[in-house]
C-alpha atoms as a PDB file:
ATOM      1  CA  MET A   1      45.943  52.667  85.371  1.00  0.00           C
ATOM      2  CA  GLU A   2      46.596  48.555  85.582  1.00  0.00           C
ATOM      3  CA  VAL A   3      47.479  46.965  88.756  1.00  0.00           C
ATOM      4  CA  VAL A   4      50.251  45.247  88.788  1.00  0.00           C
ATOM      5  CA  ILE A   5      50.548  42.820  91.730  1.00  0.00           C
ATOM      6  CA  LEU A   6      54.272  41.825  91.877  1.00  0.00           C
ATOM      7  CA  GLN A   7      55.144  37.924  91.794  1.00  0.00           C
ATOM      8  CA  VAL A   8      58.225  36.068  93.192  1.00  0.00           C
ATOM      9  CA  TYR A   9      59.009  32.650  91.697  1.00  0.00           C
ATOM     10  CA  ASN A  10      59.461  29.900  93.312  1.00  0.00           C
ATOM     11  CA  VAL A  11      63.453  28.740  91.420  1.00  0.00           C
ATOM     12  CA  HIS A  12      67.233  26.998  92.050  1.00  0.00           C
ATOM     13  CA  HIS A  13      69.514  28.145  94.284  1.00  0.00           C
ATOM     14  CA  ALA A  14      72.101  28.644  90.786  1.00  0.00           C
ATOM     15  CA  ILE A  15      69.394  30.616  89.076  1.00  0.00           C
ATOM     16  CA  TYR A  16      69.704  33.052  91.593  1.00  0.00           C
ATOM     17  CA  VAL A  17      72.840  33.135  92.120  1.00  0.00           C
ATOM     18  CA  GLY A  18      73.365  33.877  88.959  1.00  0.00           C
ATOM     19  CA  ALA A  19      70.632  36.767  89.294  1.00  0.00           C
ATOM     20  CA  LEU A  20      72.099  37.873  92.343  1.00  0.00           C
ATOM     21  CA  ARG A  21      75.390  37.623  90.747  1.00  0.00           C
ATOM     22  CA  GLN A  22      74.749  40.206  88.012  1.00  0.00           C
ATOM     23  CA  ALA A  23      72.327  42.288  90.129  1.00  0.00           C
ATOM     24  CA  ARG A  24      75.733  43.059  92.463  1.00  0.00           C
ATOM     25  CA  ARG A  25      77.562  43.984  89.239  1.00  0.00           C
ATOM     26  CA  LEU A  26      75.436  46.398  88.587  1.00  0.00           C
ATOM     27  CA  SER A  27      74.852  48.068  91.644  1.00  0.00           C
ATOM     28  CA  GLU A  28      77.237  48.498  94.186  1.00  0.00           C
ATOM     29  CA  LEU A  29      74.637  49.307  96.276  1.00  0.00           C
ATOM     30  CA  ILE A  30      73.921  46.407  96.304  1.00  0.00           C
ATOM     31  CA  ALA A  31      77.084  44.579  96.748  1.00  0.00           C
ATOM     32  CA  GLY A  32      77.827  46.340 100.135  1.00  0.00           C
ATOM     33  CA  ALA A  33      74.130  44.909 101.016  1.00  0.00           C
ATOM     34  CA  THR A  34      74.207  41.520 100.186  1.00  0.00           C
ATOM     35  CA  SER A  35      76.838  38.205 100.443  1.00  0.00           C
ATOM     36  CA  ARG A  36      78.040  37.021  97.880  1.00  0.00           C
ATOM     37  CA  PRO A  37      76.480  34.461  95.268  1.00  0.00           C
ATOM     38  CA  GLU A  38      78.886  31.142  95.897  1.00  0.00           C
ATOM     39  CA  GLU A  39      78.200  31.279 100.367  1.00  0.00           C
ATOM     40  CA  MET A  40      74.261  31.763  99.879  1.00  0.00           C
ATOM     41  CA  PRO A  41      73.392  27.975 100.807  1.00  0.00           C
ATOM     42  CA  ALA A  42      71.221  25.573  98.691  1.00  0.00           C
ATOM     43  CA  ASP A  43      69.156  24.664 100.868  1.00  0.00           C
ATOM     44  CA  HIS A  44      67.446  27.308 101.078  1.00  0.00           C
ATOM     45  CA  SER A  45      64.731  28.415  99.632  1.00  0.00           C
ATOM     46  CA  TYR A  46      65.031  30.777  96.386  1.00  0.00           C
ATOM     47  CA  TYR A  47      62.514  33.618  95.020  1.00  0.00           C
ATOM     48  CA  LEU A  48      62.544  35.522  91.851  1.00  0.00           C
ATOM     49  CA  THR A  49      60.522  37.935  90.033  1.00  0.00           C
ATOM     50  CA  ASP A  50      59.768  36.725  86.007  1.00  0.00           C
ATOM     51  CA  ASP A  51      62.426  39.344  84.503  1.00  0.00           C
ATOM     52  CA  PHE A  52      65.640  38.339  87.359  1.00  0.00           C
ATOM     53  CA  GLN A  53      65.433  41.792  89.052  1.00  0.00           C
ATOM     54  CA  SER A  54      64.304  41.057  92.305  1.00  0.00           C
ATOM     55  CA  GLY A  55      65.133  38.765  94.530  1.00  0.00           C
ATOM     56  CA  PHE A  56      65.167  36.611  98.165  1.00  0.00           C
ATOM     57  CA  GLY A  57      66.030  33.792  99.670  1.00  0.00           C
ATOM     58  CA  VAL A  58      63.890  31.791 102.776  1.00  0.00           C
ATOM     59  CA  ALA A  59      66.537  29.404 105.280  1.00  0.00           C
ATOM     60  CA  LYS A  60      64.259  26.547 106.875  1.00  0.00           C
ATOM     61  CA  ASP A  61      64.580  28.131 109.409  1.00  0.00           C
ATOM     62  CA  GLY A  62      62.773  30.889 108.756  1.00  0.00           C
ATOM     63  CA  THR A  63      66.081  33.542 108.038  1.00  0.00           C
ATOM     64  CA  LEU A  64      65.632  35.871 104.834  1.00  0.00           C
ATOM     65  CA  VAL A  65      69.083  36.099 103.427  1.00  0.00           C
ATOM     66  CA  GLY A  66      70.324  37.733 100.389  1.00  0.00           C
ATOM     67  CA  LEU A  67      67.043  40.220  99.932  1.00  0.00           C
ATOM     68  CA  PHE A  68      68.290  42.134  95.790  1.00  0.00           C
ATOM     69  CA  SER A  69      66.354  44.125  93.648  1.00  0.00           C
ATOM     70  CA  LEU A  70      67.643  46.780  91.179  1.00  0.00           C
ATOM     71  CA  ILE A  71      64.365  47.800  90.133  1.00  0.00           C
ATOM     72  CA  LYS A  72      63.004  50.992  92.426  1.00  0.00           C
ATOM     73  CA  GLY A  73      60.885  51.076  95.124  1.00  0.00           C
ATOM     74  CA  ARG A  74      60.488  46.791  94.876  1.00  0.00           C
ATOM     75  CA  GLY A  75      62.104  46.276  98.244  1.00  0.00           C
ATOM     76  CA  GLU A  76      58.130  46.095 100.725  1.00  0.00           C
ATOM     77  CA  GLU A  77      57.206  43.670  98.252  1.00  0.00           C
ATOM     78  CA  LEU A  78      59.503  41.415  98.788  1.00  0.00           C
ATOM     79  CA  VAL A  79      59.286  41.697 101.535  1.00  0.00           C
ATOM     80  CA  TRP A  80      56.084  41.659 102.095  1.00  0.00           C
ATOM     81  CA  ASP A  81      55.586  38.863 100.944  1.00  0.00           C
ATOM     82  CA  ALA A  82      58.623  36.833 101.933  1.00  0.00           C
ATOM     83  CA  VAL A  83      56.572  36.982 105.049  1.00  0.00           C
ATOM     84  CA  ALA A  84      53.210  36.295 104.547  1.00  0.00           C
ATOM     85  CA  HIS A  85      53.333  34.201 102.097  1.00  0.00           C
ATOM     86  CA  LYS A  86      57.390  32.600 102.119  1.00  0.00           C
ATOM     87  CA  GLY A  87      57.685  32.017 105.688  1.00  0.00           C
ATOM     88  CA  ALA A  88      60.820  34.891 106.862  1.00  0.00           C
ATOM     89  CA  LYS A  89      60.853  35.072 110.521  1.00  0.00           C
ATOM     90  CA  ARG A  90      64.895  36.899 110.460  1.00  0.00           C
ATOM     91  CA  LEU A  91      67.370  37.883 108.766  1.00  0.00           C
ATOM     92  CA  ASP A  92      70.664  40.493 109.586  1.00  0.00           C
ATOM     93  CA  CYS A  93      72.183  43.037 108.120  1.00  0.00           C
ATOM     94  CA  PHE A  94      74.537  45.451 108.736  1.00  0.00           C
ATOM     95  CA  ASP A  95      73.132  48.058 111.286  1.00  0.00           C
ATOM     96  CA  GLY A  96      71.760  52.035 109.806  1.00  0.00           C
ATOM     97  CA  PHE A  97      69.743  52.316 106.785  1.00  0.00           C
ATOM     98  CA  LEU A  98      68.617  48.929 106.656  1.00  0.00           C
ATOM     99  CA  THR A  99      68.218  48.851 110.135  1.00  0.00           C
ATOM    100  CA  GLU A 100      64.896  51.390 110.151  1.00  0.00           C
ATOM    101  CA  TYR A 101      63.739  49.892 107.008  1.00  0.00           C
ATOM    102  CA  TYR A 102      63.258  46.340 108.327  1.00  0.00           C
ATOM    103  CA  ARG A 103      61.348  48.483 111.385  1.00  0.00           C
ATOM    104  CA  ARG A 104      58.845  49.204 109.261  1.00  0.00           C
ATOM    105  CA  PHE A 105      57.919  45.195 108.446  1.00  0.00           C
ATOM    106  CA  GLY A 106      57.832  44.792 112.291  1.00  0.00           C
ATOM    107  CA  PHE A 107      61.215  43.297 113.131  1.00  0.00           C
ATOM    108  CA  ALA A 108      62.807  44.174 116.104  1.00  0.00           C
ATOM    109  CA  GLU A 109      66.996  43.811 117.314  1.00  0.00           C
ATOM    110  CA  THR A 110      67.126  40.911 119.163  1.00  0.00           C
ATOM    111  CA  GLU A 111      71.625  41.173 118.857  1.00  0.00           C
ATOM    112  CA  ARG A 112      74.307  43.324 117.835  1.00  0.00           C
ATOM    113  CA  VAL A 113      78.030  42.494 116.614  1.00  0.00           C
ATOM    114  CA  PRO A 114      80.901  43.675 116.057  1.00  0.00           C
ATOM    115  CA  ASN A 115      81.598  43.932 112.050  1.00  0.00           C
ATOM    116  CA  TRP A 116      84.672  41.915 110.872  1.00  0.00           C
ATOM    117  CA  THR A 117      85.631  44.649 109.431  1.00  0.00           C
ATOM    118  CA  SER A 118      87.305  48.148 112.102  1.00  0.00           C
ATOM    119  CA  GLY A 119      84.533  51.040 111.479  1.00  0.00           C
ATOM    120  CA  GLU A 120      82.106  49.107 108.989  1.00  0.00           C
ATOM    121  CA  PRO A 121      78.905  49.230 110.509  1.00  0.00           C
ATOM    122  CA  ASP A 122      77.257  45.855 113.774  1.00  0.00           C
ATOM    123  CA  VAL A 123      76.342  43.236 112.232  1.00  0.00           C
ATOM    124  CA  VAL A 124      72.546  43.520 113.419  1.00  0.00           C
ATOM    125  CA  PHE A 125      69.851  40.376 114.199  1.00  0.00           C
ATOM    126  CA  MET A 126      66.494  40.415 113.604  1.00  0.00           C
ATOM    127  CA  SER A 127      63.186  39.090 113.831  1.00  0.00           C
ATOM    128  CA  LEU A 128      59.948  39.017 114.103  1.00  0.00           C
END
Protein backbone atom coordinates (compact mmCIF):
# COMPACT_ATOMS: atom_id res chain seq x y z
CA MET A 1 0.00 0.00 0.00
CA GLU A 2 1.36 3.40 -1.01
CA VAL A 3 1.39 6.14 1.62
CA VAL A 4 0.58 9.55 0.18
CA ILE A 5 1.76 12.64 2.01
CA LEU A 6 -0.55 15.59 1.52
CA GLN A 7 1.27 18.43 -0.21
CA VAL A 8 0.18 22.05 -0.03
CA TYR A 9 1.53 24.76 -2.28
CA ASN A 10 1.80 28.50 -1.78
CA VAL A 11 -0.62 30.16 -4.19
CA HIS A 12 -1.60 33.67 -5.17
CA HIS A 13 -4.46 35.24 -3.22
CA ALA A 14 -6.77 35.17 -6.27
CA ILE A 15 -6.24 31.43 -6.81
CA TYR A 16 -7.03 30.67 -3.15
CA VAL A 17 -10.11 32.91 -3.20
CA GLY A 18 -11.41 31.09 -6.28
CA ALA A 19 -10.92 27.69 -4.64
CA LEU A 20 -12.58 28.85 -1.41
CA ARG A 21 -15.50 30.36 -3.34
CA GLN A 22 -16.06 27.03 -5.13
CA ALA A 23 -15.78 25.04 -1.88
CA ARG A 24 -18.35 27.31 -0.20
CA ARG A 25 -20.72 26.77 -3.15
CA LEU A 26 -20.38 23.00 -2.87
CA SER A 27 -20.52 22.64 0.91
CA GLU A 28 -22.87 24.31 3.39
CA LEU A 29 -20.53 23.18 6.18
CA ILE A 30 -17.58 25.03 4.62
CA ALA A 31 -19.76 28.06 3.90
CA GLY A 32 -20.83 28.18 7.54
CA ALA A 33 -17.33 27.77 8.96
CA THR A 34 -15.29 30.09 6.74
CA SER A 35 -15.28 33.79 6.01
CA ARG A 36 -16.53 35.03 2.68
CA PRO A 37 -13.79 34.93 0.01
CA GLU A 38 -13.90 38.70 -0.50
CA GLU A 39 -13.00 39.12 3.19
CA MET A 40 -9.68 37.26 2.80
CA PRO A 41 -6.89 39.87 2.94
CA ALA A 42 -4.47 39.86 0.02
CA ASP A 43 -1.41 40.21 2.28
CA HIS A 44 -1.81 36.76 3.91
CA SER A 45 0.02 33.65 2.66
CA TYR A 46 -2.34 31.12 1.07
CA TYR A 47 -1.92 27.41 0.45
CA LEU A 48 -3.84 24.85 -1.60
CA THR A 49 -3.52 21.19 -2.42
CA ASP A 50 -2.74 20.45 -6.06
CA ASP A 51 -6.36 19.44 -6.71
CA PHE A 52 -7.66 22.78 -5.30
CA GLN A 53 -10.00 20.87 -2.96
CA SER A 54 -8.34 21.90 0.32
CA GLY A 55 -6.46 24.89 1.63
CA PHE A 56 -5.85 27.56 4.25
CA GLY A 57 -4.26 30.93 4.83
CA VAL A 58 -1.85 32.27 7.43
CA ALA A 59 -1.67 35.95 8.37
CA LYS A 60 1.63 37.64 9.11
CA ASP A 61 0.83 37.45 12.84
CA GLY A 62 0.38 33.65 12.62
CA THR A 63 -3.42 33.59 12.53
CA LEU A 64 -4.76 30.54 10.69
CA VAL A 65 -7.63 31.58 8.39
CA GLY A 66 -10.00 30.00 5.92
CA LEU A 67 -9.07 26.36 6.44
CA PHE A 68 -11.31 24.20 4.27
CA SER A 69 -11.42 20.80 2.64
CA LEU A 70 -13.91 19.19 0.32
CA ILE A 71 -12.09 15.88 0.91
CA LYS A 72 -13.04 14.21 4.19
CA GLY A 73 -10.07 13.43 6.43
CA ARG A 74 -7.65 16.04 5.10
CA GLY A 75 -8.28 18.63 7.79
CA GLU A 76 -5.91 17.10 10.31
CA GLU A 77 -2.96 17.10 7.89
CA LEU A 78 -3.77 20.68 6.88
CA VAL A 79 -3.76 21.90 10.48
CA TRP A 80 -0.49 20.09 11.27
CA ASP A 81 1.14 21.54 8.16
CA ALA A 82 -0.08 25.05 9.00
CA VAL A 83 1.29 24.79 12.55
CA ALA A 84 4.52 22.90 11.90
CA HIS A 85 5.59 24.50 8.61
CA LYS A 86 3.63 27.68 7.88
CA GLY A 87 3.78 29.54 11.21
CA ALA A 88 0.13 29.24 12.33
CA LYS A 89 -0.16 29.80 16.08
CA ARG A 90 -3.61 31.34 16.62
CA LEU A 91 -7.09 31.23 15.12
CA ASP A 92 -10.70 32.09 15.71
CA CYS A 93 -13.72 29.91 15.09
CA PHE A 94 -17.32 29.40 16.06
CA ASP A 95 -17.90 27.55 19.32
CA GLY A 96 -18.86 23.90 19.04
CA PHE A 97 -17.23 21.23 16.92
CA LEU A 98 -14.36 23.45 15.79
CA THR A 99 -13.21 24.46 19.28
CA GLU A 100 -13.02 20.80 20.29
CA TYR A 101 -11.33 19.93 17.00
CA TYR A 102 -8.59 22.55 17.36
CA ARG A 103 -7.93 21.57 20.99
CA ARG A 104 -6.60 18.26 19.62
CA PHE A 105 -3.73 20.22 18.05
CA GLY A 106 -2.80 22.10 21.21
CA PHE A 107 -4.89 25.23 20.71
CA ALA A 108 -6.46 26.69 23.87
CA GLU A 109 -9.20 29.27 24.22
CA THR A 110 -7.88 32.78 24.93
CA GLU A 111 -11.02 34.86 24.42
CA ARG A 112 -14.69 34.47 23.63
CA VAL A 113 -17.13 37.02 22.20
CA PRO A 114 -20.85 36.75 21.49
CA ASN A 115 -21.81 36.12 17.90
CA TRP A 116 -23.08 39.21 16.08
CA THR A 117 -26.08 37.08 15.00
CA SER A 118 -28.42 36.47 17.91
CA GLY A 119 -28.72 32.80 18.85
CA GLU A 120 -25.62 31.72 16.90
CA PRO A 121 -22.49 30.23 18.55
CA ASP A 122 -19.91 32.48 20.19
CA VAL A 123 -16.70 33.36 18.37
CA VAL A 124 -13.80 31.69 20.17
CA PHE A 125 -10.20 32.91 19.85
CA MET A 126 -7.56 30.24 20.37
CA SER A 127 -3.77 30.15 20.56
CA LEU A 128 -1.08 27.50 20.87
